[in-house]
Amino acid sequence: FLPNGTYDFGEATLTGISGENVSIIGQSADKTIIVNRPPRTMEGLGKADLLNNTGVGLYMQDLTLKNDMESLGNDERAATLHDQGTKTINKNVRHLSHQDTYYSHKVGGLYYFEGGEMHGTVDYLCGNGKVYFNEVKLVNERRNSSTITANSELYVFNNCVVENNADQYNFGRAWSDHPVCVYLNTTLMDGGEKLISTRWNPSGINCDYSIAGEFGTKNAEGQDITPASNEVTFVKESTTLQTILTAEQAATYTMESVLGDWAATAKQEARQLT
C-alpha cells in the first residue's frame, strides 16, 4: 500500500515486478504517483519503460504511473508498464506518457482495465495478448496526429471515453498477425470532429486488420453518432472491411469471450471492498 506522495525513480528504467499475485494499491489515483524520467537516448520499448512486469496476477489500483521522458513529438517510446506477465488487473490507474504508453507483451496474455486513464499520442496502447478495457478514459495528448492503438491480437474497449487534444486522431492501426480491435459504446467528447474520415488508420505496420469495428459510438450528450456504414480499405494487403458492427456482432465481444474463464475471477478481484 502506497500513501499519497510522489515516488520518483529518477532515470531508473525497467523496474521489475515478478512473482504471483503482487498487489500495488495507492491511497488515491491522482496523488499516489510513481514516476521516472529517462533521458531521450534511452528511448525504446524494453529500454525506457518505467515498470516491467513478468509476474502472474499483478493487481494495481488507485495509482498514477508516469513516464516523464521529454517529448519532442516523435521517437519517444516510453512505456509506463511493459507487461510480459498475464492476468494483470488495473483498476483506476492513470498511465501518463506519449508513445507506446502501455505495452501488452505476451501472446495469449490476459489483461483487464477498469476505470482509470490512458494518455498518449502514437500507438499508446500497443502489443499482443487479449485486453479488455472497461470504462477507461483514453486521452489523446497534443500532437498533429494521434493513433490510439497498435495491437496484434485482441483489444476490446467497452463504454470508454475518448478525450482529444490532437489536431486529428484515429482509432488504431494493425501491428501484426491480423489483429482484432473493437470499440463498443464509445463516447467521443469532441463528437468525432477531429476523427479522420476513415476513422481507422489504413496503413498497418506489418499487416491489415482481420476485424476493426465499432458499435454504438456517442457524443458527449449521449446521442448516437455511429455512421450507418464505413468501409475502409487497409493498404498493406488491400483488405476492405466494413467497420460498423451489427448489434449481433457487437454482442459477441463480451468480457467472457475476450478473457475466457479468467473473466469471472477478474470481476471478483476488481470489485471495490468497503
Protein backbone atom coordinates (compact mmCIF):
# COMPACT_ATOMS: atom_id res chain seq x y z
CA PHE A 1 0.00 0.00 0.00
CA LEU A 2 1.40 3.37 -1.03
CA PRO A 3 0.28 6.52 0.82
CA ASN A 4 -0.19 9.68 -1.23
CA GLY A 5 3.12 11.04 -2.49
CA THR A 6 5.47 11.06 -5.45
CA TYR A 7 7.74 8.01 -5.71
CA ASP A 8 10.46 9.34 -8.01
CA PHE A 9 12.65 6.69 -9.67
CA GLY A 10 14.80 9.30 -11.41
CA GLU A 11 16.41 7.89 -14.56
CA ALA A 12 15.87 4.28 -13.48
CA THR A 13 14.09 2.08 -16.04
CA LEU A 14 12.73 -1.45 -16.24
CA THR A 15 11.95 -1.66 -12.53
CA GLY A 16 10.85 -5.27 -12.26
CA ILE A 17 7.69 -6.84 -10.86
CA SER A 18 7.68 -10.64 -10.68
CA GLY A 19 6.16 -13.49 -8.74
CA GLU A 20 2.47 -14.24 -8.31
CA ASN A 21 -0.41 -12.13 -7.03
CA VAL A 22 1.54 -8.96 -6.27
CA SER A 23 -0.74 -6.04 -5.38
CA ILE A 24 0.25 -2.37 -5.53
CA ILE A 25 -2.53 -0.12 -4.22
CA GLY A 26 -2.32 3.63 -3.81
CA GLN A 27 -4.19 5.90 -1.46
CA SER A 28 -5.62 7.87 -4.42
CA ALA A 29 -5.13 7.75 -8.17
CA ASP A 30 -4.32 11.46 -8.54
CA LYS A 31 -1.96 11.81 -5.60
CA THR A 32 -0.09 8.49 -5.50
CA ILE A 33 2.42 8.91 -8.32
CA ILE A 34 5.20 6.59 -9.48
CA VAL A 35 7.40 8.38 -12.00
CA ASN A 36 10.69 8.05 -13.85
CA ARG A 37 12.47 10.47 -16.16
CA PRO A 38 14.80 8.57 -18.52
CA PRO A 39 16.95 10.52 -20.99
CA ARG A 40 15.77 10.52 -24.61
CA THR A 41 18.84 8.48 -25.56
CA MET A 42 17.14 5.52 -23.80
CA GLU A 43 14.02 5.77 -25.99
CA GLY A 44 12.52 2.43 -26.94
CA LEU A 45 10.37 -0.45 -25.76
CA GLY A 46 12.35 -2.60 -23.38
CA LYS A 47 14.65 0.33 -22.70
CA ALA A 48 12.87 3.37 -21.24
CA ASP A 49 9.97 1.53 -19.55
CA LEU A 50 9.01 2.62 -16.05
CA LEU A 51 7.82 -0.81 -14.86
CA ASN A 52 8.48 -4.25 -16.36
CA ASN A 53 6.06 -6.94 -15.23
CA THR A 54 6.82 -10.63 -15.69
CA GLY A 55 4.52 -11.93 -12.96
CA VAL A 56 1.13 -13.63 -12.90
CA GLY A 57 -1.83 -11.92 -11.25
CA LEU A 58 -0.44 -8.39 -10.83
CA TYR A 59 -3.13 -6.13 -9.32
CA MET A 60 -2.76 -2.33 -9.34
CA GLN A 61 -5.28 0.19 -8.09
CA ASP A 62 -5.56 3.95 -7.43
CA LEU A 63 -2.16 4.92 -8.82
CA THR A 64 -0.62 7.21 -11.39
CA LEU A 65 2.20 5.69 -13.45
CA LYS A 66 4.10 8.41 -15.29
CA ASN A 67 6.97 8.07 -17.74
CA ASP A 68 8.27 11.64 -17.90
CA MET A 69 10.79 11.24 -20.71
CA GLU A 70 10.99 14.51 -22.64
CA SER A 71 8.52 14.74 -25.51
CA LEU A 72 9.51 16.36 -28.80
CA GLY A 73 6.76 14.80 -30.90
CA ASN A 74 8.47 11.74 -32.42
CA ASP A 75 10.61 8.75 -31.44
CA GLU A 76 9.68 8.78 -27.79
CA ARG A 77 8.68 5.24 -26.92
CA ALA A 78 8.50 5.33 -23.16
CA ALA A 79 6.12 2.82 -21.59
CA THR A 80 4.63 3.20 -18.15
CA LEU A 81 4.04 -0.56 -17.99
CA HIS A 82 5.74 -3.15 -20.17
CA ASP A 83 3.58 -6.15 -19.33
CA GLN A 84 5.14 -9.51 -20.11
CA GLY A 85 3.02 -11.19 -17.47
CA THR A 86 -0.58 -12.36 -17.59
CA LYS A 87 -3.81 -11.97 -15.61
CA THR A 88 -2.98 -8.34 -14.86
CA ILE A 89 -5.66 -6.03 -13.47
CA ASN A 90 -5.52 -2.22 -13.49
CA LYS A 91 -8.33 -0.54 -11.54
CA ASN A 92 -8.47 3.26 -11.51
CA VAL A 93 -4.85 3.56 -12.69
CA ARG A 94 -3.67 6.59 -14.68
CA HIS A 95 -0.97 5.87 -17.30
CA LEU A 96 0.80 9.05 -18.45
CA SER A 97 3.27 9.07 -21.35
CA HIS A 98 3.33 9.78 -25.09
CA GLN A 99 4.29 6.92 -27.42
CA ASP A 100 3.65 3.23 -26.58
CA THR A 101 2.39 4.15 -23.11
CA TYR A 102 1.06 0.65 -22.31
CA TYR A 103 2.66 -2.41 -23.90
CA SER A 104 0.93 -5.79 -23.54
CA HIS A 105 3.72 -8.17 -24.46
CA LYS A 106 2.69 -11.80 -24.09
CA VAL A 107 0.95 -13.79 -26.80
CA GLY A 108 -2.26 -15.08 -25.26
CA GLY A 109 -1.75 -12.92 -22.17
CA LEU A 110 -4.87 -11.77 -20.32
CA TYR A 111 -5.30 -8.17 -19.17
CA TYR A 112 -8.22 -6.26 -17.61
CA PHE A 113 -8.55 -2.49 -17.16
CA GLU A 114 -11.40 -0.95 -15.19
CA GLY A 115 -11.72 2.82 -14.88
CA GLY A 116 -8.59 4.95 -14.89
CA GLU A 117 -7.00 6.84 -17.76
CA MET A 118 -4.60 6.07 -20.60
CA HIS A 119 -2.75 9.07 -22.09
CA GLY A 120 -0.58 9.29 -25.18
CA THR A 121 -0.06 10.27 -28.79
CA VAL A 122 1.31 7.48 -31.01
CA ASP A 123 0.22 3.83 -30.67
CA TYR A 124 -0.15 4.49 -26.98
CA LEU A 125 -1.97 1.21 -26.38
CA CYS A 126 0.07 -1.44 -28.14
CA GLY A 127 1.13 -5.06 -28.16
CA ASN A 128 -0.42 -8.51 -28.25
CA GLY A 129 -2.47 -10.51 -25.80
CA LYS A 130 -6.18 -10.18 -25.03
CA VAL A 131 -7.05 -6.89 -23.36
CA TYR A 132 -10.48 -5.74 -22.16
CA PHE A 133 -10.73 -2.02 -21.40
CA ASN A 134 -13.87 -1.31 -19.35
CA GLU A 135 -15.00 2.31 -18.78
CA VAL A 136 -11.50 3.70 -19.31
CA LYS A 137 -10.78 7.29 -20.38
CA LEU A 138 -8.48 7.49 -23.42
CA VAL A 139 -6.74 10.85 -23.70
CA ASN A 140 -5.06 11.88 -26.95
CA GLU A 141 -2.37 14.36 -25.99
CA ARG A 142 -1.33 17.33 -28.13
CA ARG A 143 0.20 16.39 -31.46
CA ASN A 144 -0.55 16.88 -35.15
CA SER A 145 -1.96 13.35 -35.29
CA SER A 146 -2.76 10.71 -32.67
CA THR A 147 -3.22 6.94 -33.11
CA ILE A 148 -4.80 5.25 -30.09
CA THR A 149 -3.92 1.59 -30.69
CA ALA A 150 -1.43 -0.63 -32.49
CA ASN A 151 -2.26 -4.19 -31.47
CA SER A 152 -1.52 -7.63 -32.82
CA GLU A 153 -4.08 -9.89 -31.12
CA LEU A 154 -7.33 -8.73 -29.48
CA TYR A 155 -8.22 -5.38 -27.92
CA VAL A 156 -11.82 -4.61 -26.89
CA PHE A 157 -13.00 -1.26 -25.50
CA ASN A 158 -16.32 -1.20 -23.65
CA ASN A 159 -18.04 2.02 -22.56
CA CYS A 160 -14.83 4.00 -22.85
CA VAL A 161 -14.45 7.77 -23.34
CA VAL A 162 -12.10 9.47 -25.81
CA GLU A 163 -10.90 12.95 -24.89
CA ASN A 164 -8.96 14.54 -27.73
CA ASN A 165 -6.28 17.25 -27.69
CA ALA A 166 -4.64 16.37 -31.03
CA ASP A 167 -5.21 18.06 -34.39
CA GLN A 168 -6.65 14.77 -35.63
CA TYR A 169 -6.86 11.18 -34.42
CA ASN A 170 -7.86 7.64 -35.36
CA PHE A 171 -8.97 4.50 -33.55
CA GLY A 172 -5.86 2.50 -34.44
CA ARG A 173 -3.69 0.63 -36.91
CA ALA A 174 -2.85 -3.05 -37.22
CA TRP A 175 0.55 -4.16 -35.92
CA SER A 176 0.95 -7.85 -36.85
CA ASP A 177 -0.87 -11.19 -37.04
CA HIS A 178 -4.08 -9.70 -38.48
CA PRO A 179 -5.49 -8.40 -35.18
CA VAL A 180 -8.98 -7.64 -33.93
CA CYS A 181 -9.77 -4.24 -32.40
CA VAL A 182 -13.31 -3.31 -31.34
CA TYR A 183 -14.85 -0.20 -29.75
CA LEU A 184 -18.27 -0.68 -28.10
CA ASN A 185 -20.45 2.21 -26.90
CA THR A 186 -17.60 4.70 -27.03
CA THR A 187 -18.15 8.35 -26.10
CA LEU A 188 -16.23 10.81 -28.29
CA MET A 189 -16.12 14.01 -26.27
CA ASP A 190 -15.46 16.08 -29.41
CA GLY A 191 -18.32 14.39 -31.23
CA GLY A 192 -15.83 12.91 -33.69
CA GLU A 193 -14.95 16.35 -35.06
CA LYS A 194 -11.22 15.56 -35.23
CA LEU A 195 -11.61 11.83 -36.01
CA ILE A 196 -10.21 11.20 -39.50
CA SER A 197 -12.68 10.35 -42.27
CA THR A 198 -11.71 6.65 -42.40
CA ARG A 199 -11.90 6.54 -38.57
CA TRP A 200 -9.06 3.95 -38.62
CA ASN A 201 -5.50 4.35 -39.87
CA PRO A 202 -5.47 2.40 -43.17
CA SER A 203 -1.68 1.92 -43.01
CA GLY A 204 -0.91 -1.09 -40.85
CA ILE A 205 2.62 -1.63 -39.57
CA ASN A 206 3.03 -5.22 -40.86
CA CYS A 207 -0.46 -6.35 -41.89
CA ASP A 208 -4.13 -5.43 -42.13
CA TYR A 209 -6.82 -5.99 -39.51
CA SER A 210 -8.96 -9.10 -39.61
CA ILE A 211 -11.64 -7.11 -37.75
CA ALA A 212 -11.68 -3.39 -36.99
CA GLY A 213 -15.08 -2.45 -35.63
CA GLU A 214 -17.21 -0.01 -33.69
CA PHE A 215 -20.76 -0.06 -32.38
CA GLY A 216 -22.88 2.49 -30.54
CA THR A 217 -20.48 5.43 -30.74
CA LYS A 218 -21.89 8.51 -28.96
CA ASN A 219 -21.15 12.20 -28.47
CA ALA A 220 -20.80 13.92 -25.10
CA GLU A 221 -24.58 14.39 -24.94
CA GLY A 222 -25.16 10.66 -25.39
CA GLN A 223 -26.51 10.91 -28.93
CA ASP A 224 -25.63 8.04 -31.29
CA ILE A 225 -23.18 9.30 -33.92
CA THR A 226 -22.24 5.94 -35.43
CA PRO A 227 -22.15 6.05 -39.23
CA ALA A 228 -24.60 3.73 -40.98
CA SER A 229 -21.65 2.35 -42.95
CA ASN A 230 -17.90 2.81 -43.02
CA GLU A 231 -15.92 0.67 -45.43
CA VAL A 232 -12.16 1.04 -45.17
CA THR A 233 -9.54 -0.43 -47.49
CA PHE A 234 -6.43 -1.18 -45.45
CA VAL A 235 -3.43 -0.73 -47.69
CA LYS A 236 -0.85 -3.26 -46.50
CA GLU A 237 -2.76 -6.18 -48.08
CA SER A 238 -5.63 -4.31 -49.78
CA THR A 239 -8.17 -5.65 -47.29
CA THR A 240 -11.57 -3.94 -47.39
CA LEU A 241 -13.59 -4.15 -44.16
CA GLN A 242 -16.96 -2.87 -43.03
CA THR A 243 -16.01 -1.31 -39.70
CA ILE A 244 -19.53 -0.70 -38.37
CA LEU A 245 -20.68 -3.74 -36.41
CA THR A 246 -24.24 -5.01 -36.17
CA ALA A 247 -25.79 -5.41 -32.73
CA GLU A 248 -25.39 -9.18 -33.10
CA GLN A 249 -21.70 -8.85 -33.92
CA ALA A 250 -21.09 -6.41 -31.06
CA ALA A 251 -22.78 -8.76 -28.58
CA THR A 252 -20.09 -11.39 -29.20
CA TYR A 253 -17.34 -9.21 -27.68
CA THR A 254 -18.18 -9.74 -24.02
CA MET A 255 -15.63 -9.75 -21.24
CA GLU A 256 -16.13 -13.52 -21.04
CA SER A 257 -15.45 -14.04 -24.74
CA VAL A 258 -12.28 -11.94 -24.56
CA LEU A 259 -10.80 -13.18 -21.28
CA GLY A 260 -12.29 -16.68 -21.12
CA ASP A 261 -12.61 -18.45 -17.79
CA TRP A 262 -10.47 -15.78 -16.12
CA ALA A 263 -13.17 -13.13 -16.68
CA ALA A 264 -15.15 -14.22 -13.60
CA THR A 265 -12.01 -14.11 -11.47
CA ALA A 266 -11.07 -10.68 -12.82
CA LYS A 267 -14.53 -9.30 -12.00
CA GLN A 268 -14.34 -10.70 -8.49
CA GLU A 269 -10.83 -9.39 -7.83
CA ALA A 270 -11.66 -5.93 -9.19
CA ARG A 271 -14.74 -5.44 -7.01
CA GLN A 272 -14.45 -2.50 -4.62
CA LEU A 273 -14.20 -3.57 -1.00
CA THR A 274 -15.51 -1.37 1.78
